[in-house]
Amino acid sequence: MTKTDYVRWLMATFEQVRSEKTANGYVNVPRSIGLTSVVEGKIRLTPDGERVRQSKDRDILFGILAKNILGIDEIMEFLKTTQEPQTRQTYWHSSKRISVSNGRPLPRSTSASCG
């Protein structure tokens, strides 16, 4: 499937996806976590993506997330053990920024969008 086909499918399938910009953001999520890649202009499942598709096993998916997203284990442990409810603002101020394994940092939310 091409990226254009994927964007069109997302917009046709999910009513909350109303713009190409939003759909393009969703296209990048599986790639960022190691489930898809682009090969010769087409989006394909990676071997890890294929394992998740075949097994539908959440533990396998979490292992892939932990392998590809720095800090996911620590964040999950923090959220599991904290005694106070977490808002987006509390989360950003109390944790390290997460970086995708390819070295590109995720954008930091502005204080206007926190909370």
PDB file of N, CA and C in Angstrom:
ATOM      1  N   MET A   1       0.849  -1.157   0.000  1.00  0.00           N
ATOM      2  CA  MET A   1       0.000   0.000   0.000  1.00  0.00           C
ATOM      3  C   MET A   1       0.907   1.236   0.000  1.00  0.00           C
ATOM      4  N   THR A   2       0.574   2.214  -0.820  1.00  0.00           N
ATOM      5  CA  THR A   2       1.347   3.450  -0.820  1.00  0.00           C
ATOM      6  C   THR A   2       0.894   4.338   0.338  1.00  0.00           C
ATOM      7  N   LYS A   3       1.711   5.328   0.653  1.00  0.00           N
ATOM      8  CA  LYS A   3       1.342   6.257   1.718  1.00  0.00           C
ATOM      9  C   LYS A   3       0.039   6.983   1.369  1.00  0.00           C
ATOM     10  N   THR A   4      -0.121   7.363   0.118  1.00  0.00           N
ATOM     11  CA  THR A   4      -1.357   8.033  -0.322  1.00  0.00           C
ATOM     12  C   THR A   4      -2.564   7.126  -0.110  1.00  0.00           C
ATOM     13  N   ASP A   5      -2.426   5.850  -0.469  1.00  0.00           N
ATOM     14  CA  ASP A   5      -3.520   4.890  -0.255  1.00  0.00           C
ATOM     15  C   ASP A   5      -3.843   4.753   1.230  1.00  0.00           C
ATOM     16  N   TYR A   6      -2.795   4.691   2.048  1.00  0.00           N
ATOM     17  CA  TYR A   6      -2.961   4.543   3.500  1.00  0.00           C
ATOM     18  C   TYR A   6      -3.681   5.755   4.079  1.00  0.00           C
ATOM     19  N   VAL A   7      -3.273   6.956   3.657  1.00  0.00           N
ATOM     20  CA  VAL A   7      -3.919   8.189   4.134  1.00  0.00           C
ATOM     21  C   VAL A   7      -5.387   8.181   3.752  1.00  0.00           C
ATOM     22  N   ARG A   8      -5.694   7.832   2.514  1.00  0.00           N
ATOM     23  CA  ARG A   8      -7.106   7.778   2.067  1.00  0.00           C
ATOM     24  C   ARG A   8      -7.899   6.751   2.879  1.00  0.00           C
ATOM     25  N   TRP A   9      -7.277   5.589   3.138  1.00  0.00           N
ATOM     26  CA  TRP A   9      -7.955   4.553   3.917  1.00  0.00           C
ATOM     27  C   TRP A   9      -8.246   5.045   5.331  1.00  0.00           C
ATOM     28  N   LEU A  10      -7.264   5.690   5.953  1.00  0.00           N
ATOM     29  CA  LEU A  10      -7.482   6.216   7.305  1.00  0.00           C
ATOM     30  C   LEU A  10      -8.635   7.209   7.326  1.00  0.00           C
ATOM     31  N   MET A  11      -8.658   8.117   6.356  1.00  0.00           N
ATOM     32  CA  MET A  11      -9.714   9.129   6.322  1.00  0.00           C
ATOM     33  C   MET A  11     -11.085   8.515   6.051  1.00  0.00           C
ATOM     34  N   ALA A  12     -11.143   7.470   5.252  1.00  0.00           N
ATOM     35  CA  ALA A  12     -12.414   6.806   4.952  1.00  0.00           C
ATOM     36  C   ALA A  12     -12.883   5.914   6.093  1.00  0.00           C
ATOM     37  N   THR A  13     -11.953   5.389   6.865  1.00  0.00           N
ATOM     38  CA  THR A  13     -12.278   4.406   7.897  1.00  0.00           C
ATOM     39  C   THR A  13     -12.594   5.036   9.252  1.00  0.00           C
ATOM     40  N   PHE A  14     -11.910   6.115   9.600  1.00  0.00           N
ATOM     41  CA  PHE A  14     -12.061   6.721  10.914  1.00  0.00           C
ATOM     42  C   PHE A  14     -12.619   8.133  10.775  1.00  0.00           C
ATOM     43  N   GLU A  15     -13.860   8.318  11.220  1.00  0.00           N
ATOM     44  CA  GLU A  15     -14.523   9.611  11.020  1.00  0.00           C
ATOM     45  C   GLU A  15     -13.812  10.767  11.711  1.00  0.00           C
ATOM     46  N   GLN A  16     -13.064  10.494  12.787  1.00  0.00           N
ATOM     47  CA  GLN A  16     -12.357  11.569  13.474  1.00  0.00           C
ATOM     48  C   GLN A  16     -11.120  12.043  12.715  1.00  0.00           C
ATOM     49  N   VAL A  17     -10.682  11.290  11.712  1.00  0.00           N
ATOM     50  CA  VAL A  17      -9.546  11.688  10.878  1.00  0.00           C
ATOM     51  C   VAL A  17     -10.118  12.458   9.696  1.00  0.00           C
ATOM     52  N   ARG A  18     -10.074  13.790   9.815  1.00  0.00           N
ATOM     53  CA  ARG A  18     -10.749  14.642   8.837  1.00  0.00           C
ATOM     54  C   ARG A  18      -9.809  15.343   7.868  1.00  0.00           C
ATOM     55  N   SER A  19      -8.518  15.294   8.133  1.00  0.00           N
ATOM     56  CA  SER A  19      -7.588  15.996   7.248  1.00  0.00           C
ATOM     57  C   SER A  19      -6.413  15.096   6.889  1.00  0.00           C
ATOM     58  N   GLU A  20      -5.789  15.421   5.765  1.00  0.00           N
ATOM     59  CA  GLU A  20      -4.611  14.670   5.351  1.00  0.00           C
ATOM     60  C   GLU A  20      -3.473  14.857   6.345  1.00  0.00           C
ATOM     61  N   LYS A  21      -3.374  16.044   6.933  1.00  0.00           N
ATOM     62  CA  LYS A  21      -2.320  16.307   7.914  1.00  0.00           C
ATOM     63  C   LYS A  21      -2.467  15.358   9.107  1.00  0.00           C
ATOM     64  N   THR A  22      -3.673  15.208   9.611  1.00  0.00           N
ATOM     65  CA  THR A  22      -3.929  14.295  10.728  1.00  0.00           C
ATOM     66  C   THR A  22      -3.625  12.857  10.311  1.00  0.00           C
ATOM     67  N   ALA A  23      -4.102  12.464   9.143  1.00  0.00           N
ATOM     68  CA  ALA A  23      -3.872  11.102   8.656  1.00  0.00           C
ATOM     69  C   ALA A  23      -2.384  10.824   8.495  1.00  0.00           C
ATOM     70  N   ASN A  24      -1.635  11.796   7.985  1.00  0.00           N
ATOM     71  CA  ASN A  24      -0.185  11.609   7.845  1.00  0.00           C
ATOM     72  C   ASN A  24       0.481  11.384   9.197  1.00  0.00           C
ATOM     73  N   GLY A  25      -0.020  12.038  10.237  1.00  0.00           N
ATOM     74  CA  GLY A  25       0.504  11.793  11.581  1.00  0.00           C
ATOM     75  C   GLY A  25       0.262  10.360  12.019  1.00  0.00           C
ATOM     76  N   TYR A  26      -0.936   9.851  11.745  1.00  0.00           N
ATOM     77  CA  TYR A  26      -1.245   8.467  12.098  1.00  0.00           C
ATOM     78  C   TYR A  26      -0.407   7.471  11.302  1.00  0.00           C
ATOM     79  N   VAL A  27      -0.100   7.792  10.058  1.00  0.00           N
ATOM     80  CA  VAL A  27       0.722   6.919   9.216  1.00  0.00           C
ATOM     81  C   VAL A  27       2.074   6.681   9.869  1.00  0.00           C
ATOM     82  N   ASN A  28       2.614   7.696  10.530  1.00  0.00           N
ATOM     83  CA  ASN A  28       3.952   7.596  11.107  1.00  0.00           C
ATOM     84  C   ASN A  28       4.008   6.820  12.419  1.00  0.00           C
ATOM     85  N   VAL A  29       2.888   6.617  13.079  1.00  0.00           N
ATOM     86  CA  VAL A  29       2.902   5.930  14.376  1.00  0.00           C
ATOM     87  C   VAL A  29       3.434   4.497  14.272  1.00  0.00           C
ATOM     88  N   PRO A  30       2.884   3.641  13.418  1.00  0.00           N
ATOM     89  CA  PRO A  30       3.428   2.276  13.352  1.00  0.00           C
ATOM     90  C   PRO A  30       4.896   2.241  12.927  1.00  0.00           C
ATOM     91  N   ARG A  31       5.307   3.168  12.070  1.00  0.00           N
ATOM     92  CA  ARG A  31       6.715   3.230  11.658  1.00  0.00           C
ATOM     93  C   ARG A  31       7.591   3.607  12.843  1.00  0.00           C
ATOM     94  N   SER A  32       7.151   4.579  13.626  1.00  0.00           N
ATOM     95  CA  SER A  32       7.935   5.038  14.772  1.00  0.00           C
ATOM     96  C   SER A  32       8.135   3.953  15.814  1.00  0.00           C
ATOM     97  N   ILE A  33       7.173   3.066  15.941  1.00  0.00           N
ATOM     98  CA  ILE A  33       7.313   2.010  16.940  1.00  0.00           C
ATOM     99  C   ILE A  33       7.852   0.705  16.366  1.00  0.00           C
ATOM    100  N   GLY A  34       8.233   0.726  15.079  1.00  0.00           N
ATOM    101  CA  GLY A  34       8.913  -0.425  14.498  1.00  0.00           C
ATOM    102  C   GLY A  34       8.024  -1.467  13.852  1.00  0.00           C
ATOM    103  N   LEU A  35       6.774  -1.119  13.557  1.00  0.00           N
ATOM    104  CA  LEU A  35       5.866  -2.107  12.978  1.00  0.00           C
ATOM    105  C   LEU A  35       5.792  -2.050  11.461  1.00  0.00           C
ATOM    106  N   THR A  36       6.093  -0.879  10.883  1.00  0.00           N
ATOM    107  CA  THR A  36       6.071  -0.738   9.434  1.00  0.00           C
ATOM    108  C   THR A  36       7.336  -0.041   8.953  1.00  0.00           C
ATOM    109  N   SER A  37       7.591  -0.181   7.669  1.00  0.00           N
ATOM    110  CA  SER A  37       8.679   0.553   7.015  1.00  0.00           C
ATOM    111  C   SER A  37       8.233   0.831   5.590  1.00  0.00           C
ATOM    112  N   VAL A  38       8.943   1.727   4.927  1.00  0.00           N
ATOM    113  CA  VAL A  38       8.657   2.024   3.530  1.00  0.00           C
ATOM    114  C   VAL A  38       9.704   1.320   2.677  1.00  0.00           C
ATOM    115  N   VAL A  39       9.226   0.470   1.790  1.00  0.00           N
ATOM    116  CA  VAL A  39      10.102  -0.279   0.889  1.00  0.00           C
ATOM    117  C   VAL A  39       9.623  -0.005  -0.533  1.00  0.00           C
ATOM    118  N   GLU A  40      10.515   0.590  -1.341  1.00  0.00           N
ATOM    119  CA  GLU A  40      10.189   0.919  -2.725  1.00  0.00           C
ATOM    120  C   GLU A  40       8.888   1.706  -2.829  1.00  0.00           C
ATOM    121  N   GLY A  41       8.731   2.686  -1.920  1.00  0.00           N
ATOM    122  CA  GLY A  41       7.567   3.567  -1.956  1.00  0.00           C
ATOM    123  C   GLY A  41       6.287   2.979  -1.392  1.00  0.00           C
ATOM    124  N   LYS A  42       6.357   1.790  -0.854  1.00  0.00           N
ATOM    125  CA  LYS A  42       5.161   1.153  -0.292  1.00  0.00           C
ATOM    126  C   LYS A  42       5.361   0.866   1.183  1.00  0.00           C
ATOM    127  N   ILE A  43       4.291   1.015   1.941  1.00  0.00           N
ATOM    128  CA  ILE A  43       4.331   0.735   3.375  1.00  0.00           C
ATOM    129  C   ILE A  43       4.160  -0.772   3.563  1.00  0.00           C
ATOM    130  N   ARG A  44       5.104  -1.345   4.274  1.00  0.00           N
ATOM    131  CA  ARG A  44       5.116  -2.793   4.514  1.00  0.00           C
ATOM    132  C   ARG A  44       5.279  -3.060   6.003  1.00  0.00           C
ATOM    133  N   LEU A  45       4.766  -4.197   6.437  1.00  0.00           N
ATOM    134  CA  LEU A  45       5.020  -4.629   7.812  1.00  0.00           C
ATOM    135  C   LEU A  45       6.481  -5.045   7.938  1.00  0.00           C
ATOM    136  N   THR A  46       7.083  -4.678   9.050  1.00  0.00           N
ATOM    137  CA  THR A  46       8.415  -5.177   9.374  1.00  0.00           C
ATOM    138  C   THR A  46       8.250  -6.603   9.906  1.00  0.00           C
ATOM    139  N   PRO A  47       9.341  -7.333  10.094  1.00  0.00           N
ATOM    140  CA  PRO A  47       9.203  -8.656  10.726  1.00  0.00           C
ATOM    141  C   PRO A  47       8.498  -8.557  12.093  1.00  0.00           C
ATOM    142  N   ASP A  48       8.818  -7.519  12.873  1.00  0.00           N
ATOM    143  CA  ASP A  48       8.116  -7.337  14.158  1.00  0.00           C
ATOM    144  C   ASP A  48       6.636  -7.055  13.937  1.00  0.00           C
ATOM    145  N   GLY A  49       6.317  -6.242  12.940  1.00  0.00           N
ATOM    146  CA  GLY A  49       4.917  -5.958  12.627  1.00  0.00           C
ATOM    147  C   GLY A  49       4.162  -7.211  12.227  1.00  0.00           C
ATOM    148  N   GLU A  50       4.819  -8.051  11.465  1.00  0.00           N
ATOM    149  CA  GLU A  50       4.209  -9.319  11.053  1.00  0.00           C
ATOM    150  C   GLU A  50       3.972 -10.228  12.261  1.00  0.00           C
ATOM    151  N   ARG A  51       4.929 -10.258  13.204  1.00  0.00           N
ATOM    152  CA  ARG A  51       4.748 -11.071  14.430  1.00  0.00           C
ATOM    153  C   ARG A  51       3.527 -10.608  15.216  1.00  0.00           C
ATOM    154  N   VAL A  52       3.358  -9.280  15.333  1.00  0.00           N
ATOM    155  CA  VAL A  52       2.205  -8.745  16.061  1.00  0.00           C
ATOM    156  C   VAL A  52       0.917  -9.082  15.322  1.00  0.00           C
ATOM    157  N   ARG A  53       0.912  -8.922  13.993  1.00  0.00           N
ATOM    158  CA  ARG A  53      -0.289  -9.213  13.211  1.00  0.00           C
ATOM    159  C   ARG A  53      -0.703 -10.674  13.359  1.00  0.00           C
ATOM    160  N   GLN A  54       0.261 -11.562  13.310  1.00  0.00           N
ATOM    161  CA  GLN A  54      -0.056 -12.984  13.406  1.00  0.00           C
ATOM    162  C   GLN A  54      -0.468 -13.404  14.809  1.00  0.00           C
ATOM    163  N   SER A  55       0.217 -12.888  15.812  1.00  0.00           N
ATOM    164  CA  SER A  55      -0.025 -13.349  17.179  1.00  0.00           C
ATOM    165  C   SER A  55      -1.117 -12.567  17.899  1.00  0.00           C
ATOM    166  N   LYS A  56      -1.251 -11.287  17.559  1.00  0.00           N
ATOM    167  CA  LYS A  56      -2.152 -10.380  18.287  1.00  0.00           C
ATOM    168  C   LYS A  56      -1.849 -10.390  19.792  1.00  0.00           C
ATOM    169  N   ASP A  57      -0.583 -10.623  20.117  1.00  0.00           N
ATOM    170  CA  ASP A  57      -0.132 -10.748  21.502  1.00  0.00           C
ATOM    171  C   ASP A  57       0.354  -9.398  22.028  1.00  0.00           C
ATOM    172  N   ARG A  58      -0.279  -8.920  23.080  1.00  0.00           N
ATOM    173  CA  ARG A  58       0.080  -7.615  23.657  1.00  0.00           C
ATOM    174  C   ARG A  58       1.473  -7.619  24.274  1.00  0.00           C
ATOM    175  N   ASP A  59       1.911  -8.735  24.794  1.00  0.00           N
ATOM    176  CA  ASP A  59       3.258  -8.799  25.359  1.00  0.00           C
ATOM    177  C   ASP A  59       4.316  -8.640  24.273  1.00  0.00           C
ATOM    178  N   ILE A  60       4.073  -9.235  23.116  1.00  0.00           N
ATOM    179  CA  ILE A  60       4.995  -9.060  21.988  1.00  0.00           C
ATOM    180  C   ILE A  60       5.004  -7.594  21.560  1.00  0.00           C
ATOM    181  N   LEU A  61       3.816  -6.989  21.476  1.00  0.00           N
ATOM    182  CA  LEU A  61       3.721  -5.580  21.099  1.00  0.00           C
ATOM    183  C   LEU A  61       4.464  -4.696  22.103  1.00  0.00           C
ATOM    184  N   PHE A  62       4.279  -4.949  23.392  1.00  0.00           N
ATOM    185  CA  PHE A  62       4.977  -4.147  24.389  1.00  0.00           C
ATOM    186  C   PHE A  62       6.491  -4.316  24.268  1.00  0.00           C
ATOM    187  N   GLY A  63       6.951  -5.537  24.001  1.00  0.00           N
ATOM    188  CA  GLY A  63       8.382  -5.762  23.808  1.00  0.00           C
ATOM    189  C   GLY A  63       8.933  -4.946  22.643  1.00  0.00           C
ATOM    190  N   ILE A  64       8.156  -4.839  21.567  1.00  0.00           N
ATOM    191  CA  ILE A  64       8.565  -4.043  20.413  1.00  0.00           C
ATOM    192  C   ILE A  64       8.575  -2.561  20.773  1.00  0.00           C
ATOM    193  N   LEU A  65       7.569  -2.117  21.512  1.00  0.00           N
ATOM    194  CA  LEU A  65       7.553  -0.720  21.978  1.00  0.00           C
ATOM    195  C   LEU A  65       8.782  -0.437  22.831  1.00  0.00           C
ATOM    196  N   ALA A  66       9.078  -1.339  23.759  1.00  0.00           N
ATOM    197  CA  ALA A  66      10.222  -1.145  24.656  1.00  0.00           C
ATOM    198  C   ALA A  66      11.537  -1.129  23.887  1.00  0.00           C
ATOM    199  N   LYS A  67      11.620  -1.907  22.816  1.00  0.00           N
ATOM    200  CA  LYS A  67      12.833  -1.957  22.007  1.00  0.00           C
ATOM    201  C   LYS A  67      13.025  -0.674  21.192  1.00  0.00           C
ATOM    202  N   ASN A  68      11.928  -0.063  20.752  1.00  0.00           N
ATOM    203  CA  ASN A  68      12.010   1.058  19.818  1.00  0.00           C
ATOM    204  C   ASN A  68      11.763   2.433  20.423  1.00  0.00           C
ATOM    205  N   ILE A  69      11.219   2.501  21.617  1.00  0.00           N
ATOM    206  CA  ILE A  69      10.934   3.795  22.235  1.00  0.00           C
ATOM    207  C   ILE A  69      11.654   3.851  23.572  1.00  0.00           C
ATOM    208  N   LEU A  70      12.682   4.682  23.588  1.00  0.00           N
ATOM    209  CA  LEU A  70      13.499   4.831  24.779  1.00  0.00           C
ATOM    210  C   LEU A  70      12.662   5.342  25.948  1.00  0.00           C
ATOM    211  N   GLY A  71      12.730   4.657  27.074  1.00  0.00           N
ATOM    212  CA  GLY A  71      12.073   5.108  28.290  1.00  0.00           C
ATOM    213  C   GLY A  71      10.677   4.561  28.534  1.00  0.00           C
ATOM    214  N   ILE A  72      10.146   3.745  27.636  1.00  0.00           N
ATOM    215  CA  ILE A  72       8.770   3.263  27.802  1.00  0.00           C
ATOM    216  C   ILE A  72       8.618   2.412  29.061  1.00  0.00           C
ATOM    217  N   ASP A  73       9.604   1.565  29.372  1.00  0.00           N
ATOM    218  CA  ASP A  73       9.530   0.756  30.596  1.00  0.00           C
ATOM    219  C   ASP A  73       9.474   1.652  31.828  1.00  0.00           C
ATOM    220  N   GLU A  74      10.322   2.673  31.855  1.00  0.00           N
ATOM    221  CA  GLU A  74      10.371   3.568  33.012  1.00  0.00           C
ATOM    222  C   GLU A  74       9.083   4.368  33.150  1.00  0.00           C
ATOM    223  N   ILE A  75       8.539   4.816  32.045  1.00  0.00           N
ATOM    224  CA  ILE A  75       7.281   5.574  32.082  1.00  0.00           C
ATOM    225  C   ILE A  75       6.153   4.702  32.602  1.00  0.00           C
ATOM    226  N   MET A  76       6.063   3.475  32.105  1.00  0.00           N
ATOM    227  CA  MET A  76       5.000   2.568  32.562  1.00  0.00           C
ATOM    228  C   MET A  76       5.148   2.269  34.051  1.00  0.00           C
ATOM    229  N   GLU A  77       6.375   2.070  34.506  1.00  0.00           N
ATOM    230  CA  GLU A  77       6.603   1.815  35.926  1.00  0.00           C
ATOM    231  C   GLU A  77       6.227   3.039  36.761  1.00  0.00           C
ATOM    232  N   PHE A  78       6.599   4.221  36.300  1.00  0.00           N
ATOM    233  CA  PHE A  78       6.246   5.460  36.986  1.00  0.00           C
ATOM    234  C   PHE A  78       4.726   5.590  37.111  1.00  0.00           C
ATOM    235  N   LEU A  79       4.010   5.385  36.005  1.00  0.00           N
ATOM    236  CA  LEU A  79       2.556   5.514  36.029  1.00  0.00           C
ATOM    237  C   LEU A  79       1.906   4.436  36.895  1.00  0.00           C
ATOM    238  N   LYS A  80       2.515   3.264  36.929  1.00  0.00           N
ATOM    239  CA  LYS A  80       1.987   2.155  37.738  1.00  0.00           C
ATOM    240  C   LYS A  80       2.159   2.419  39.236  1.00  0.00           C
ATOM    241  N   THR A  81       3.267   3.058  39.623  1.00  0.00           N
ATOM    242  CA  THR A  81       3.590   3.184  41.043  1.00  0.00           C
ATOM    243  C   THR A  81       3.266   4.540  41.653  1.00  0.00           C
ATOM    244  N   THR A  82       2.985   5.548  40.832  1.00  0.00           N
ATOM    245  CA  THR A  82       2.705   6.865  41.396  1.00  0.00           C
ATOM    246  C   THR A  82       1.367   6.854  42.142  1.00  0.00           C
ATOM    247  N   GLN A  83       1.304   7.610  43.199  1.00  0.00           N
ATOM    248  CA  GLN A  83       0.093   7.655  44.014  1.00  0.00           C
ATOM    249  C   GLN A  83      -0.854   8.778  43.603  1.00  0.00           C
ATOM    250  N   GLU A  84      -0.347   9.749  42.845  1.00  0.00           N
ATOM    251  CA  GLU A  84      -1.205  10.869  42.474  1.00  0.00           C
ATOM    252  C   GLU A  84      -1.586  10.803  41.004  1.00  0.00           C
ATOM    253  N   PRO A  85      -2.795  11.273  40.677  1.00  0.00           N
ATOM    254  CA  PRO A  85      -3.215  11.281  39.275  1.00  0.00           C
ATOM    255  C   PRO A  85      -2.256  12.137  38.448  1.00  0.00           C
ATOM    256  N   GLN A  86      -2.023  11.735  37.209  1.00  0.00           N
ATOM    257  CA  GLN A  86      -1.083  12.450  36.351  1.00  0.00           C
ATOM    258  C   GLN A  86      -1.831  13.221  35.269  1.00  0.00           C
ATOM    259  N   THR A  87      -1.496  14.496  35.141  1.00  0.00           N
ATOM    260  CA  THR A  87      -1.986  15.284  34.024  1.00  0.00           C
ATOM    261  C   THR A  87      -0.871  15.334  32.997  1.00  0.00           C
ATOM    262  N   ARG A  88      -1.164  15.808  31.815  1.00  0.00           N
ATOM    263  CA  ARG A  88      -0.120  15.931  30.802  1.00  0.00           C
ATOM    264  C   ARG A  88       0.992  16.840  31.314  1.00  0.00           C
ATOM    265  N   GLN A  89       0.643  17.923  31.997  1.00  0.00           N
ATOM    266  CA  GLN A  89       1.651  18.846  32.514  1.00  0.00           C
ATOM    267  C   GLN A  89       2.536  18.172  33.561  1.00  0.00           C
ATOM    268  N   THR A  90       1.932  17.423  34.489  1.00  0.00           N
ATOM    269  CA  THR A  90       2.709  16.709  35.493  1.00  0.00           C
ATOM    270  C   THR A  90       3.649  15.718  34.831  1.00  0.00           C
ATOM    271  N   TYR A  91       3.145  14.998  33.838  1.00  0.00           N
ATOM    272  CA  TYR A  91       3.958  14.006  33.137  1.00  0.00           C
ATOM    273  C   TYR A  91       5.187  14.658  32.507  1.00  0.00           C
ATOM    274  N   TRP A  92       5.012  15.762  31.780  1.00  0.00           N
ATOM    275  CA  TRP A  92       6.141  16.388  31.091  1.00  0.00           C
ATOM    276  C   TRP A  92       7.154  16.950  32.075  1.00  0.00           C
ATOM    277  N   HIS A  93       6.689  17.424  33.226  1.00  0.00           N
ATOM    278  CA  HIS A  93       7.622  18.007  34.186  1.00  0.00           C
ATOM    279  C   HIS A  93       8.305  16.955  35.049  1.00  0.00           C
ATOM    280  N   SER A  94       7.743  15.763  35.141  1.00  0.00           N
ATOM    281  CA  SER A  94       8.310  14.772  36.051  1.00  0.00           C
ATOM    282  C   SER A  94       9.037  13.642  35.337  1.00  0.00           C
ATOM    283  N   SER A  95       9.045  13.657  34.032  1.00  0.00           N
ATOM    284  CA  SER A  95       9.724  12.577  33.321  1.00  0.00           C
ATOM    285  C   SER A  95      10.670  13.144  32.277  1.00  0.00           C
ATOM    286  N   LYS A  96      11.568  12.304  31.830  1.00  0.00           N
ATOM    287  CA  LYS A  96      12.465  12.695  30.757  1.00  0.00           C
ATOM    288  C   LYS A  96      11.707  12.671  29.447  1.00  0.00           C
ATOM    289  N   ARG A  97      12.145  13.486  28.501  1.00  0.00           N
ATOM    290  CA  ARG A  97      11.552  13.426  27.169  1.00  0.00           C
ATOM    291  C   ARG A  97      11.880  12.076  26.548  1.00  0.00           C
ATOM    292  N   ILE A  98      10.944  11.540  25.827  1.00  0.00           N
ATOM    293  CA  ILE A  98      11.131  10.252  25.176  1.00  0.00           C
ATOM    294  C   ILE A  98      11.722  10.504  23.791  1.00  0.00           C
ATOM    295  N   SER A  99      12.681   9.708  23.403  1.00  0.00           N
ATOM    296  CA  SER A  99      13.223   9.780  22.056  1.00  0.00           C
ATOM    297  C   SER A  99      12.971   8.464  21.347  1.00  0.00           C
ATOM    298  N   VAL A 100      12.569   8.549  20.110  1.00  0.00           N
ATOM    299  CA  VAL A 100      12.402   7.357  19.296  1.00  0.00           C
ATOM    300  C   VAL A 100      13.799   6.810  19.025  1.00  0.00           C
ATOM    301  N   SER A 101      13.927   5.521  18.854  1.00  0.00           N
ATOM    302  CA  SER A 101      15.239   4.890  18.753  1.00  0.00           C
ATOM    303  C   SER A 101      16.080   5.406  17.588  1.00  0.00           C
ATOM    304  N   ASN A 102      15.455   6.054  16.616  1.00  0.00           N
ATOM    305  CA  ASN A 102      16.251   6.582  15.514  1.00  0.00           C
ATOM    306  C   ASN A 102      16.928   7.892  15.892  1.00  0.00           C
ATOM    307  N   GLY A 103      16.777   8.310  17.145  1.00  0.00           N
ATOM    308  CA  GLY A 103      17.497   9.468  17.644  1.00  0.00           C
ATOM    309  C   GLY A 103      16.753  10.779  17.521  1.00  0.00           C
ATOM    310  N   ARG A 104      15.595  10.808  16.864  1.00  0.00           N
ATOM    311  CA  ARG A 104      14.857  12.057  16.734  1.00  0.00           C
ATOM    312  C   ARG A 104      13.966  12.237  17.952  1.00  0.00           C
ATOM    313  N   PRO A 105      14.107  13.350  18.679  1.00  0.00           N
ATOM    314  CA  PRO A 105      13.266  13.552  19.863  1.00  0.00           C
ATOM    315  C   PRO A 105      11.828  13.833  19.460  1.00  0.00           C
ATOM    316  N   LEU A 106      10.913  13.383  20.292  1.00  0.00           N
ATOM    317  CA  LEU A 106       9.520  13.728  20.104  1.00  0.00           C
ATOM    318  C   LEU A 106       9.336  15.190  20.481  1.00  0.00           C
ATOM    319  N   PRO A 107       8.403  15.891  19.821  1.00  0.00           N
ATOM    320  CA  PRO A 107       8.212  17.301  20.156  1.00  0.00           C
ATOM    321  C   PRO A 107       7.694  17.469  21.566  1.00  0.00           C
ATOM    322  N   ARG A 108       8.140  18.505  22.232  1.00  0.00           N
ATOM    323  CA  ARG A 108       7.690  18.790  23.585  1.00  0.00           C
ATOM    324  C   ARG A 108       6.439  19.643  23.483  1.00  0.00           C
ATOM    325  N   SER A 109       5.394  19.275  24.235  1.00  0.00           N
ATOM    326  CA  SER A 109       4.165  20.051  24.243  1.00  0.00           C
ATOM    327  C   SER A 109       4.433  21.412  24.845  1.00  0.00           C
ATOM    328  N   THR A 110       3.722  22.397  24.357  1.00  0.00           N
ATOM    329  CA  THR A 110       3.840  23.725  24.958  1.00  0.00           C
ATOM    330  C   THR A 110       2.938  23.782  26.171  1.00  0.00           C
ATOM    331  N   SER A 111       3.228  24.699  27.060  1.00  0.00           N
ATOM    332  CA  SER A 111       2.413  24.787  28.290  1.00  0.00           C
ATOM    333  C   SER A 111       0.969  25.123  27.957  1.00  0.00           C
ATOM    334  N   ALA A 112       0.709  25.792  26.839  1.00  0.00           N
ATOM    335  CA  ALA A 112      -0.658  26.135  26.472  1.00  0.00           C
ATOM    336  C   ALA A 112      -1.476  24.905  26.146  1.00  0.00           C
ATOM    337  N   SER A 113      -0.825  23.840  25.677  1.00  0.00           N
ATOM    338  CA  SER A 113      -1.580  22.640  25.318  1.00  0.00           C
ATOM    339  C   SER A 113      -1.559  21.584  26.413  1.00  0.00           C
ATOM    340  N   CYS A 114      -0.875  21.856  27.513  1.00  0.00           N
ATOM    341  CA  CYS A 114      -0.807  20.894  28.604  1.00  0.00           C
ATOM    342  C   CYS A 114      -2.010  21.007  29.500  1.00  0.00           C
ATOM    343  N   GLY A 115      -2.350  19.851  30.123  1.00  0.00           N
ATOM    344  CA  GLY A 115      -3.389  19.888  31.134  1.00  0.00           C
ATOM    345  C   GLY A 115      -4.621  19.317  30.723  1.00  0.00           C
TER     346      GLY A 115
END
